[in-house]
Amino acid sequence: MPKALLEEFGAVSPEVAEAMAKGALERFGADVAVSITGIAGPDGGTEEKPVGYVCFHALLADGTAIARSPVIPGDRADIRERSGLVAMHLLRDLLS
């Protein structure tokens, strides 16, 4: 992960989620990757990036991608569980 990318956009950003997915494809020689970065709370949220803000990026080796950045409701456990489910749904949609 380029340090400049983190400095410009922050660790929780669509740009970093995309870089994470691309990095996974390259590092593991995979055909598909999904990344998740977010703020599960209870602290760490800001007005711009509130608790529950999660960035997803699902990517195929051919470059086909789906990205989403919703605010997921709930407490820390809810946000983490729902994030895993969202990631699996994005992969399913991408592979359909």
PDB file of N, CA and C in Angstrom:
ATOM      1  N   MET A   1       0.850  -1.168   0.000  1.00  0.00           N
ATOM      2  CA  MET A   1       0.000   0.000   0.000  1.00  0.00           C
ATOM      3  C   MET A   1       0.901   1.238   0.000  1.00  0.00           C
ATOM      4  N   PRO A   2       0.786   2.058  -1.017  1.00  0.00           N
ATOM      5  CA  PRO A   2       1.592   3.278  -1.029  1.00  0.00           C
ATOM      6  C   PRO A   2       1.232   4.208   0.140  1.00  0.00           C
ATOM      7  N   LYS A   3       2.241   4.651   0.853  1.00  0.00           N
ATOM      8  CA  LYS A   3       2.037   5.531   2.002  1.00  0.00           C
ATOM      9  C   LYS A   3       1.311   6.809   1.578  1.00  0.00           C
ATOM     10  N   ALA A   4       1.609   7.308   0.387  1.00  0.00           N
ATOM     11  CA  ALA A   4       0.980   8.543  -0.100  1.00  0.00           C
ATOM     12  C   ALA A   4      -0.531   8.373  -0.238  1.00  0.00           C
ATOM     13  N   LEU A   5      -0.972   7.191  -0.631  1.00  0.00           N
ATOM     14  CA  LEU A   5      -2.407   6.915  -0.763  1.00  0.00           C
ATOM     15  C   LEU A   5      -3.092   7.001   0.596  1.00  0.00           C
ATOM     16  N   LEU A   6      -2.473   6.415   1.602  1.00  0.00           N
ATOM     17  CA  LEU A   6      -3.011   6.483   2.959  1.00  0.00           C
ATOM     18  C   LEU A   6      -3.028   7.920   3.484  1.00  0.00           C
ATOM     19  N   GLU A   7      -1.974   8.655   3.211  1.00  0.00           N
ATOM     20  CA  GLU A   7      -1.899  10.033   3.681  1.00  0.00           C
ATOM     21  C   GLU A   7      -2.938  10.917   2.996  1.00  0.00           C
ATOM     22  N   GLU A   8      -3.178  10.696   1.710  1.00  0.00           N
ATOM     23  CA  GLU A   8      -4.113  11.539   0.962  1.00  0.00           C
ATOM     24  C   GLU A   8      -5.575  11.236   1.293  1.00  0.00           C
ATOM     25  N   PHE A   9      -5.920   9.940   1.369  1.00  0.00           N
ATOM     26  CA  PHE A   9      -7.326   9.557   1.504  1.00  0.00           C
ATOM     27  C   PHE A   9      -7.694   8.989   2.868  1.00  0.00           C
ATOM     28  N   GLY A  10      -6.720   8.546   3.634  1.00  0.00           N
ATOM     29  CA  GLY A  10      -6.984   7.892   4.906  1.00  0.00           C
ATOM     30  C   GLY A  10      -7.183   6.403   4.710  1.00  0.00           C
ATOM     31  N   ALA A  11      -7.010   5.648   5.786  1.00  0.00           N
ATOM     32  CA  ALA A  11      -7.099   4.183   5.709  1.00  0.00           C
ATOM     33  C   ALA A  11      -8.505   3.714   5.333  1.00  0.00           C
ATOM     34  N   VAL A  12      -9.514   4.489   5.698  1.00  0.00           N
ATOM     35  CA  VAL A  12     -10.895   4.131   5.366  1.00  0.00           C
ATOM     36  C   VAL A  12     -11.330   5.019   4.212  1.00  0.00           C
ATOM     37  N   SER A  13     -11.210   4.481   2.999  1.00  0.00           N
ATOM     38  CA  SER A  13     -11.558   5.238   1.803  1.00  0.00           C
ATOM     39  C   SER A  13     -11.762   4.267   0.642  1.00  0.00           C
ATOM     40  N   PRO A  14     -12.578   4.649  -0.335  1.00  0.00           N
ATOM     41  CA  PRO A  14     -12.749   3.803  -1.517  1.00  0.00           C
ATOM     42  C   PRO A  14     -11.425   3.557  -2.237  1.00  0.00           C
ATOM     43  N   GLU A  15     -10.554   4.553  -2.253  1.00  0.00           N
ATOM     44  CA  GLU A  15      -9.269   4.424  -2.942  1.00  0.00           C
ATOM     45  C   GLU A  15      -8.391   3.364  -2.287  1.00  0.00           C
ATOM     46  N   VAL A  16      -8.387   3.340  -0.970  1.00  0.00           N
ATOM     47  CA  VAL A  16      -7.584   2.342  -0.256  1.00  0.00           C
ATOM     48  C   VAL A  16      -8.213   0.956  -0.415  1.00  0.00           C
ATOM     49  N   ALA A  17      -9.533   0.866  -0.372  1.00  0.00           N
ATOM     50  CA  ALA A  17     -10.192  -0.431  -0.581  1.00  0.00           C
ATOM     51  C   ALA A  17      -9.838  -0.997  -1.958  1.00  0.00           C
ATOM     52  N   GLU A  18      -9.818  -0.143  -2.971  1.00  0.00           N
ATOM     53  CA  GLU A  18      -9.446  -0.592  -4.316  1.00  0.00           C
ATOM     54  C   GLU A  18      -7.999  -1.074  -4.350  1.00  0.00           C
ATOM     55  N   ALA A  19      -7.111  -0.315  -3.742  1.00  0.00           N
ATOM     56  CA  ALA A  19      -5.696  -0.712  -3.711  1.00  0.00           C
ATOM     57  C   ALA A  19      -5.505  -2.032  -2.969  1.00  0.00           C
ATOM     58  N   MET A  20      -6.272  -2.241  -1.902  1.00  0.00           N
ATOM     59  CA  MET A  20      -6.187  -3.497  -1.152  1.00  0.00           C
ATOM     60  C   MET A  20      -6.604  -4.677  -2.023  1.00  0.00           C
ATOM     61  N   ALA A  21      -7.699  -4.526  -2.756  1.00  0.00           N
ATOM     62  CA  ALA A  21      -8.169  -5.620  -3.612  1.00  0.00           C
ATOM     63  C   ALA A  21      -7.153  -5.904  -4.730  1.00  0.00           C
ATOM     64  N   LYS A  22      -6.642  -4.852  -5.339  1.00  0.00           N
ATOM     65  CA  LYS A  22      -5.626  -5.042  -6.391  1.00  0.00           C
ATOM     66  C   LYS A  22      -4.384  -5.723  -5.823  1.00  0.00           C
ATOM     67  N   GLY A  23      -3.985  -5.312  -4.637  1.00  0.00           N
ATOM     68  CA  GLY A  23      -2.817  -5.919  -4.001  1.00  0.00           C
ATOM     69  C   GLY A  23      -3.018  -7.395  -3.711  1.00  0.00           C
ATOM     70  N   ALA A  24      -4.225  -7.761  -3.294  1.00  0.00           N
ATOM     71  CA  ALA A  24      -4.509  -9.178  -3.026  1.00  0.00           C
ATOM     72  C   ALA A  24      -4.429 -10.002  -4.310  1.00  0.00           C
ATOM     73  N   LEU A  25      -4.989  -9.469  -5.398  1.00  0.00           N
ATOM     74  CA  LEU A  25      -4.903 -10.193  -6.675  1.00  0.00           C
ATOM     75  C   LEU A  25      -3.450 -10.421  -7.062  1.00  0.00           C
ATOM     76  N   GLU A  26      -2.660  -9.374  -6.978  1.00  0.00           N
ATOM     77  CA  GLU A  26      -1.255  -9.463  -7.383  1.00  0.00           C
ATOM     78  C   GLU A  26      -0.450 -10.370  -6.462  1.00  0.00           C
ATOM     79  N   ARG A  27      -0.590 -10.176  -5.176  1.00  0.00           N
ATOM     80  CA  ARG A  27       0.231 -10.919  -4.217  1.00  0.00           C
ATOM     81  C   ARG A  27      -0.050 -12.422  -4.247  1.00  0.00           C
ATOM     82  N   PHE A  28      -1.321 -12.788  -4.381  1.00  0.00           N
ATOM     83  CA  PHE A  28      -1.690 -14.195  -4.298  1.00  0.00           C
ATOM     84  C   PHE A  28      -1.972 -14.828  -5.649  1.00  0.00           C
ATOM     85  N   GLY A  29      -1.854 -14.063  -6.732  1.00  0.00           N
ATOM     86  CA  GLY A  29      -2.142 -14.601  -8.057  1.00  0.00           C
ATOM     87  C   GLY A  29      -3.577 -15.086  -8.147  1.00  0.00           C
ATOM     88  N   ALA A  30      -4.468 -14.392  -7.475  1.00  0.00           N
ATOM     89  CA  ALA A  30      -5.871 -14.806  -7.384  1.00  0.00           C
ATOM     90  C   ALA A  30      -6.662 -14.378  -8.616  1.00  0.00           C
ATOM     91  N   ASP A  31      -7.814 -14.986  -8.777  1.00  0.00           N
ATOM     92  CA  ASP A  31      -8.750 -14.623  -9.838  1.00  0.00           C
ATOM     93  C   ASP A  31      -9.790 -13.635  -9.354  1.00  0.00           C
ATOM     94  N   VAL A  32      -9.988 -13.579  -8.032  1.00  0.00           N
ATOM     95  CA  VAL A  32     -10.990 -12.701  -7.433  1.00  0.00           C
ATOM     96  C   VAL A  32     -10.502 -12.260  -6.056  1.00  0.00           C
ATOM     97  N   ALA A  33     -10.856 -11.017  -5.705  1.00  0.00           N
ATOM     98  CA  ALA A  33     -10.492 -10.499  -4.381  1.00  0.00           C
ATOM     99  C   ALA A  33     -11.588  -9.557  -3.910  1.00  0.00           C
ATOM    100  N   VAL A  34     -11.705  -9.445  -2.593  1.00  0.00           N
ATOM    101  CA  VAL A  34     -12.614  -8.470  -1.998  1.00  0.00           C
ATOM    102  C   VAL A  34     -11.896  -7.842  -0.804  1.00  0.00           C
ATOM    103  N   SER A  35     -12.064  -6.544  -0.663  1.00  0.00           N
ATOM    104  CA  SER A  35     -11.446  -5.856   0.467  1.00  0.00           C
ATOM    105  C   SER A  35     -12.505  -5.094   1.243  1.00  0.00           C
ATOM    106  N   ILE A  36     -12.226  -4.921   2.521  1.00  0.00           N
ATOM    107  CA  ILE A  36     -13.109  -4.188   3.423  1.00  0.00           C
ATOM    108  C   ILE A  36     -12.234  -3.303   4.298  1.00  0.00           C
ATOM    109  N   THR A  37     -12.586  -2.043   4.397  1.00  0.00           N
ATOM    110  CA  THR A  37     -11.954  -1.142   5.351  1.00  0.00           C
ATOM    111  C   THR A  37     -13.034  -0.215   5.882  1.00  0.00           C
ATOM    112  N   GLY A  38     -13.071  -0.045   7.193  1.00  0.00           N
ATOM    113  CA  GLY A  38     -14.159   0.755   7.741  1.00  0.00           C
ATOM    114  C   GLY A  38     -13.943   1.157   9.177  1.00  0.00           C
ATOM    115  N   ILE A  39     -14.948   1.821   9.702  1.00  0.00           N
ATOM    116  CA  ILE A  39     -14.933   2.303  11.076  1.00  0.00           C
ATOM    117  C   ILE A  39     -16.062   1.585  11.814  1.00  0.00           C
ATOM    118  N   ALA A  40     -15.713   0.565  12.586  1.00  0.00           N
ATOM    119  CA  ALA A  40     -16.717  -0.244  13.269  1.00  0.00           C
ATOM    120  C   ALA A  40     -17.104   0.336  14.626  1.00  0.00           C
ATOM    121  N   GLY A  41     -16.331   1.274  15.134  1.00  0.00           N
ATOM    122  CA  GLY A  41     -16.666   1.909  16.399  1.00  0.00           C
ATOM    123  C   GLY A  41     -16.214   1.091  17.590  1.00  0.00           C
ATOM    124  N   PRO A  42     -16.583   1.496  18.761  1.00  0.00           N
ATOM    125  CA  PRO A  42     -17.544   2.564  19.026  1.00  0.00           C
ATOM    126  C   PRO A  42     -16.964   3.960  18.833  1.00  0.00           C
ATOM    127  N   ASP A  43     -15.629   4.078  18.775  1.00  0.00           N
ATOM    128  CA  ASP A  43     -14.989   5.372  18.577  1.00  0.00           C
ATOM    129  C   ASP A  43     -14.377   5.430  17.184  1.00  0.00           C
ATOM    130  N   GLY A  44     -13.841   6.580  16.852  1.00  0.00           N
ATOM    131  CA  GLY A  44     -13.095   6.722  15.605  1.00  0.00           C
ATOM    132  C   GLY A  44     -13.852   7.404  14.491  1.00  0.00           C
ATOM    133  N   GLY A  45     -15.148   7.572  14.647  1.00  0.00           N
ATOM    134  CA  GLY A  45     -15.923   8.209  13.601  1.00  0.00           C
ATOM    135  C   GLY A  45     -15.742   9.721  13.592  1.00  0.00           C
ATOM    136  N   THR A  46     -15.966  10.308  12.427  1.00  0.00           N
ATOM    137  CA  THR A  46     -15.955  11.756  12.257  1.00  0.00           C
ATOM    138  C   THR A  46     -17.222  12.144  11.514  1.00  0.00           C
ATOM    139  N   GLU A  47     -17.430  13.428  11.331  1.00  0.00           N
ATOM    140  CA  GLU A  47     -18.595  13.867  10.567  1.00  0.00           C
ATOM    141  C   GLU A  47     -18.517  13.355   9.134  1.00  0.00           C
ATOM    142  N   GLU A  48     -17.337  13.395   8.554  1.00  0.00           N
ATOM    143  CA  GLU A  48     -17.137  12.939   7.170  1.00  0.00           C
ATOM    144  C   GLU A  48     -17.180  11.417   7.050  1.00  0.00           C
ATOM    145  N   LYS A  49     -16.626  10.735   8.045  1.00  0.00           N
ATOM    146  CA  LYS A  49     -16.573   9.271   8.052  1.00  0.00           C
ATOM    147  C   LYS A  49     -17.093   8.782   9.399  1.00  0.00           C
ATOM    148  N   PRO A  50     -18.417   8.631   9.518  1.00  0.00           N
ATOM    149  CA  PRO A  50     -19.004   8.242  10.804  1.00  0.00           C
ATOM    150  C   PRO A  50     -18.783   6.767  11.119  1.00  0.00           C
ATOM    151  N   VAL A  51     -19.003   6.410  12.375  1.00  0.00           N
ATOM    152  CA  VAL A  51     -18.990   4.999  12.751  1.00  0.00           C
ATOM    153  C   VAL A  51     -20.002   4.286  11.860  1.00  0.00           C
ATOM    154  N   GLY A  52     -19.581   3.179  11.293  1.00  0.00           N
ATOM    155  CA  GLY A  52     -20.422   2.416  10.379  1.00  0.00           C
ATOM    156  C   GLY A  52     -20.072   2.638   8.916  1.00  0.00           C
ATOM    157  N   TYR A  53     -19.217   3.624   8.630  1.00  0.00           N
ATOM    158  CA  TYR A  53     -18.791   3.865   7.248  1.00  0.00           C
ATOM    159  C   TYR A  53     -17.814   2.767   6.855  1.00  0.00           C
ATOM    160  N   VAL A  54     -18.151   2.049   5.803  1.00  0.00           N
ATOM    161  CA  VAL A  54     -17.344   0.909   5.375  1.00  0.00           C
ATOM    162  C   VAL A  54     -17.162   0.980   3.864  1.00  0.00           C
ATOM    163  N   CYS A  55     -15.937   0.775   3.402  1.00  0.00           N
ATOM    164  CA  CYS A  55     -15.625   0.775   1.974  1.00  0.00           C
ATOM    165  C   CYS A  55     -15.303  -0.652   1.529  1.00  0.00           C
ATOM    166  N   PHE A  56     -15.984  -1.089   0.483  1.00  0.00           N
ATOM    167  CA  PHE A  56     -15.813  -2.422  -0.083  1.00  0.00           C
ATOM    168  C   PHE A  56     -15.320  -2.302  -1.513  1.00  0.00           C
ATOM    169  N   HIS A  57     -14.504  -3.260  -1.933  1.00  0.00           N
ATOM    170  CA  HIS A  57     -14.099  -3.332  -3.333  1.00  0.00           C
ATOM    171  C   HIS A  57     -13.935  -4.805  -3.690  1.00  0.00           C
ATOM    172  N   ALA A  58     -14.767  -5.278  -4.607  1.00  0.00           N
ATOM    173  CA  ALA A  58     -14.671  -6.649  -5.122  1.00  0.00           C
ATOM    174  C   ALA A  58     -14.129  -6.556  -6.539  1.00  0.00           C
ATOM    175  N   LEU A  59     -13.164  -7.394  -6.866  1.00  0.00           N
ATOM    176  CA  LEU A  59     -12.420  -7.245  -8.111  1.00  0.00           C
ATOM    177  C   LEU A  59     -12.077  -8.598  -8.723  1.00  0.00           C
ATOM    178  N   LEU A  60     -12.299  -8.705 -10.025  1.00  0.00           N
ATOM    179  CA  LEU A  60     -11.858  -9.877 -10.783  1.00  0.00           C
ATOM    180  C   LEU A  60     -10.523  -9.564 -11.450  1.00  0.00           C
ATOM    181  N   ALA A  61      -9.763 -10.601 -11.778  1.00  0.00           N
ATOM    182  CA  ALA A  61      -8.463 -10.418 -12.417  1.00  0.00           C
ATOM    183  C   ALA A  61      -8.577  -9.690 -13.750  1.00  0.00           C
ATOM    184  N   ASP A  62      -9.732  -9.777 -14.413  1.00  0.00           N
ATOM    185  CA  ASP A  62      -9.903  -9.082 -15.702  1.00  0.00           C
ATOM    186  C   ASP A  62     -10.227  -7.599 -15.539  1.00  0.00           C
ATOM    187  N   GLY A  63     -10.318  -7.125 -14.281  1.00  0.00           N
ATOM    188  CA  GLY A  63     -10.576  -5.722 -14.018  1.00  0.00           C
ATOM    189  C   GLY A  63     -12.017  -5.380 -13.696  1.00  0.00           C
ATOM    190  N   THR A  64     -12.930  -6.332 -13.867  1.00  0.00           N
ATOM    191  CA  THR A  64     -14.325  -6.104 -13.523  1.00  0.00           C
ATOM    192  C   THR A  64     -14.421  -5.889 -12.014  1.00  0.00           C
ATOM    193  N   ALA A  65     -15.165  -4.856 -11.609  1.00  0.00           N
ATOM    194  CA  ALA A  65     -15.198  -4.520 -10.180  1.00  0.00           C
ATOM    195  C   ALA A  65     -16.568  -4.016  -9.749  1.00  0.00           C
ATOM    196  N   ILE A  66     -16.832  -4.172  -8.468  1.00  0.00           N
ATOM    197  CA  ILE A  66     -17.988  -3.574  -7.802  1.00  0.00           C
ATOM    198  C   ILE A  66     -17.449  -2.934  -6.528  1.00  0.00           C
ATOM    199  N   ALA A  67     -17.812  -1.678  -6.311  1.00  0.00           N
ATOM    200  CA  ALA A  67     -17.386  -0.977  -5.098  1.00  0.00           C
ATOM    201  C   ALA A  67     -18.602  -0.320  -4.458  1.00  0.00           C
ATOM    202  N   ARG A  68     -18.627  -0.326  -3.143  1.00  0.00           N
ATOM    203  CA  ARG A  68     -19.693   0.315  -2.375  1.00  0.00           C
ATOM    204  C   ARG A  68     -19.083   0.923  -1.123  1.00  0.00           C
ATOM    205  N   SER A  69     -19.710   2.005  -0.642  1.00  0.00           N
ATOM    206  CA  SER A  69     -19.251   2.656   0.591  1.00  0.00           C
ATOM    207  C   SER A  69     -20.448   3.112   1.422  1.00  0.00           C
ATOM    208  N   PRO A  70     -21.184   2.160   1.978  1.00  0.00           N
ATOM    209  CA  PRO A  70     -22.361   2.529   2.777  1.00  0.00           C
ATOM    210  C   PRO A  70     -21.991   2.869   4.222  1.00  0.00           C
ATOM    211  N   VAL A  71     -22.959   3.414   4.910  1.00  0.00           N
ATOM    212  CA  VAL A  71     -22.876   3.538   6.366  1.00  0.00           C
ATOM    213  C   VAL A  71     -23.778   2.439   6.917  1.00  0.00           C
ATOM    214  N   ILE A  72     -23.191   1.504   7.628  1.00  0.00           N
ATOM    215  CA  ILE A  72     -23.897   0.333   8.138  1.00  0.00           C
ATOM    216  C   ILE A  72     -24.325   0.606   9.586  1.00  0.00           C
ATOM    217  N   PRO A  73     -25.598   0.418   9.879  1.00  0.00           N
ATOM    218  CA  PRO A  73     -26.074   0.708  11.238  1.00  0.00           C
ATOM    219  C   PRO A  73     -25.698  -0.391  12.235  1.00  0.00           C
ATOM    220  N   GLY A  74     -25.734  -0.030  13.521  1.00  0.00           N
ATOM    221  CA  GLY A  74     -25.540  -1.020  14.569  1.00  0.00           C
ATOM    222  C   GLY A  74     -24.321  -0.730  15.420  1.00  0.00           C
ATOM    223  N   ASP A  75     -24.074  -1.644  16.349  1.00  0.00           N
ATOM    224  CA  ASP A  75     -22.888  -1.524  17.193  1.00  0.00           C
ATOM    225  C   ASP A  75     -21.706  -2.202  16.495  1.00  0.00           C
ATOM    226  N   ARG A  76     -20.578  -2.236  17.153  1.00  0.00           N
ATOM    227  CA  ARG A  76     -19.358  -2.772  16.544  1.00  0.00           C
ATOM    228  C   ARG A  76     -19.557  -4.195  15.994  1.00  0.00           C
ATOM    229  N   ALA A  77     -20.156  -5.052  16.791  1.00  0.00           N
ATOM    230  CA  ALA A  77     -20.365  -6.437  16.361  1.00  0.00           C
ATOM    231  C   ALA A  77     -21.295  -6.492  15.142  1.00  0.00           C
ATOM    232  N   ASP A  78     -22.360  -5.695  15.164  1.00  0.00           N
ATOM    233  CA  ASP A  78     -23.291  -5.661  14.028  1.00  0.00           C
ATOM    234  C   ASP A  78     -22.587  -5.206  12.752  1.00  0.00           C
ATOM    235  N   ILE A  79     -21.827  -4.130  12.872  1.00  0.00           N
ATOM    236  CA  ILE A  79     -21.136  -3.572  11.702  1.00  0.00           C
ATOM    237  C   ILE A  79     -20.159  -4.586  11.127  1.00  0.00           C
ATOM    238  N   ARG A  80     -19.424  -5.261  11.975  1.00  0.00           N
ATOM    239  CA  ARG A  80     -18.452  -6.254  11.492  1.00  0.00           C
ATOM    240  C   ARG A  80     -19.155  -7.433  10.824  1.00  0.00           C
ATOM    241  N   GLU A  81     -20.220  -7.933  11.441  1.00  0.00           N
ATOM    242  CA  GLU A  81     -20.945  -9.062  10.856  1.00  0.00           C
ATOM    243  C   GLU A  81     -21.589  -8.676   9.528  1.00  0.00           C
ATOM    244  N   ARG A  82     -22.254  -7.536   9.514  1.00  0.00           N
ATOM    245  CA  ARG A  82     -22.919  -7.086   8.285  1.00  0.00           C
ATOM    246  C   ARG A  82     -21.916  -6.794   7.176  1.00  0.00           C
ATOM    247  N   SER A  83     -20.742  -6.313   7.535  1.00  0.00           N
ATOM    248  CA  SER A  83     -19.711  -6.041   6.531  1.00  0.00           C
ATOM    249  C   SER A  83     -19.275  -7.321   5.829  1.00  0.00           C
ATOM    250  N   GLY A  84     -19.121  -8.384   6.593  1.00  0.00           N
ATOM    251  CA  GLY A  84     -18.772  -9.674   5.987  1.00  0.00           C
ATOM    252  C   GLY A  84     -19.852 -10.144   5.031  1.00  0.00           C
ATOM    253  N   LEU A  85     -21.106  -9.951   5.415  1.00  0.00           N
ATOM    254  CA  LEU A  85     -22.223 -10.351   4.547  1.00  0.00           C
ATOM    255  C   LEU A  85     -22.264  -9.509   3.282  1.00  0.00           C
ATOM    256  N   VAL A  86     -22.065  -8.207   3.413  1.00  0.00           N
ATOM    257  CA  VAL A  86     -22.048  -7.334   2.232  1.00  0.00           C
ATOM    258  C   VAL A  86     -20.933  -7.774   1.282  1.00  0.00           C
ATOM    259  N   ALA A  87     -19.758  -8.057   1.817  1.00  0.00           N
ATOM    260  CA  ALA A  87     -18.636  -8.485   0.977  1.00  0.00           C
ATOM    261  C   ALA A  87     -18.975  -9.760   0.217  1.00  0.00           C
ATOM    262  N   MET A  88     -19.608 -10.713   0.869  1.00  0.00           N
ATOM    263  CA  MET A  88     -19.987 -11.959   0.197  1.00  0.00           C
ATOM    264  C   MET A  88     -21.039 -11.708  -0.895  1.00  0.00           C
ATOM    265  N   HIS A  89     -21.979 -10.809  -0.622  1.00  0.00           N
ATOM    266  CA  HIS A  89     -22.986 -10.473  -1.644  1.00  0.00           C
ATOM    267  C   HIS A  89     -22.336  -9.793  -2.847  1.00  0.00           C
ATOM    268  N   LEU A  90     -21.373  -8.914  -2.603  1.00  0.00           N
ATOM    269  CA  LEU A  90     -20.675  -8.269  -3.718  1.00  0.00           C
ATOM    270  C   LEU A  90     -19.937  -9.292  -4.557  1.00  0.00           C
ATOM    271  N   LEU A  91     -19.280 -10.250  -3.915  1.00  0.00           N
ATOM    272  CA  LEU A  91     -18.597 -11.306  -4.661  1.00  0.00           C
ATOM    273  C   LEU A  91     -19.579 -12.126  -5.483  1.00  0.00           C
ATOM    274  N   ARG A  92     -20.710 -12.458  -4.877  1.00  0.00           N
ATOM    275  CA  ARG A  92     -21.730 -13.220  -5.600  1.00  0.00           C
ATOM    276  C   ARG A  92     -22.210 -12.455  -6.824  1.00  0.00           C
ATOM    277  N   ASP A  93     -22.498 -11.170  -6.641  1.00  0.00           N
ATOM    278  CA  ASP A  93     -22.947 -10.345  -7.767  1.00  0.00           C
ATOM    279  C   ASP A  93     -21.865 -10.253  -8.840  1.00  0.00           C
ATOM    280  N   LEU A  94     -20.636 -10.091  -8.434  1.00  0.00           N
ATOM    281  CA  LEU A  94     -19.528  -9.961  -9.377  1.00  0.00           C
ATOM    282  C   LEU A  94     -19.337 -11.244 -10.186  1.00  0.00           C
ATOM    283  N   LEU A  95     -19.535 -12.383  -9.550  1.00  0.00           N
ATOM    284  CA  LEU A  95     -19.318 -13.674 -10.224  1.00  0.00           C
ATOM    285  C   LEU A  95     -20.544 -14.161 -11.006  1.00  0.00           C
ATOM    286  N   SER A  96     -21.679 -13.480 -10.844  1.00  0.00           N
ATOM    287  CA  SER A  96     -22.913 -13.885 -11.557  1.00  0.00           C
ATOM    288  C   SER A  96     -22.885 -13.447 -12.996  1.00  0.00           C
TER     289      SER A  96
END
